[in-house]
Amino acid sequence: MTGRALAAADHDGAGAGCTLGQWLGRWLATKDALRPSTRQGYATHIRLYLIPQLGRILLHQLTSRDVNGLLAALASRPSPTGRQLSPATVVRIHATLRTALNAAVRARLIPVNPANGAELSHPRRPHPVVWTAGRTARWQQTGERPAVAVWTEQQLAAFLTGVAQDRLYAYWWLAALRGLRRGELAGLRWTDADLQAAELTVTQQRVHADGHVVIGPPKCTASCRVVALDAETVRVLTRHRERQKELSARAATRWQDSGYVFTTADGEPLRPDYLTGPFRRLVTTSGQPPIRLHDLRHGAATLALAARTDLKVVQAMLGHASIVLTADTYVSVLPEVAHQAARETARLVLNAASALGRPLGG
């Protein structure tokens, strides 16, 4: 709905004399076209943080001081759930308020947006780091672990070997080597898999929204993609399909023929968060240093680059709209790759010096 239409929608109190809470409700009601997870995020921010703190203030009386007071309170006090909000969550709550107030400016209900120029500290996105021998030893001694970490290829191989007989082995394999998001894996259907052509087509994801699991489009336009498969991945998926058919035959009438690649034991499609707990337990059992399920995606990018895959190819594999995001956030340098780069850089200089007849060296 346009700003003009919002301004005209005055019958329920969403006009010039409305409170911020009334405006936020009216604004959210126009957001049905958003991805379900995005809309749910807006709704949660409004319900838990914005309306309790600022909801009774008249829209045209809201000031930058009010907004800064909200942000300070969010950063210093526990949330309604009892947990301290992370700086990144505070930034997202502020973004929801700013977006809603931008719509009020366009509707000519307020002259300026009081959320602009707020006193907000933008946290740096944590970059993945590799579980080197030193980091692993420190974790074993102190329990200290990075915010975002990825395994080396040896650690990943050890994990996959340990879960080779797991019913959802193909899930772990795809997440770790092709970097699909958990919602994309939960939304993958057999009709999306062309194993003869060695390709998967990502066209949808299953996400949580308003307490339910809904089917929606991938995260962005670039996330609608074709993912190339190697011969081993095709073999893994083929075996997974055979096992699923065997499970279906044993379950008989209890089996739900949902058509999804990854299902529960009775054929129902997986909830996006279904495997978070099982993955954590499998990691503990494997003896590998801890990572989150989403960190398998980080690791897939890291390993692809270690295998000298072009950055644009990695971007396409992950479904990123921007190559900057791929390079800056999802790529950690494996130790051996860093050492190889150091050796090759030094070799260039040493070879040039030798060609000049002036060898370097101590």
Foldseek 3Di string as FASTA:
>chain_A
DALQVQQVPPPQPSHLFRFPLVLLVSVLVVPPPDWQVVSQLLVCLSVFQVCVQGRRHGPQPDALVSVLVSLVCLQPAATPVRHRDDLQSSVVSLVSQQVSVVSCCRNVSYVDRRSPPHPGDDDDADAEAECDPVNVVCCVVPVDDDPAYAYDPVLLVLLLVLCVVPLVSLVLVCCQALVEALQQLLPFFPVQDDLVQQKGFRFWGWADHPNDTDIDGPPDPLQGAITGHDPVSSVVLVVSVVVLVVLCVVCPPQADCPRHSDAPSRPHRDHSCNCQVVVQVSCVVSVGDDHGSSSSSLNNLQVCVVVVHDLVSSCSSNSHPDSCCSVPHSYYHDPVNVVVVVVVVVVVVQVVCVVVVHGDDD
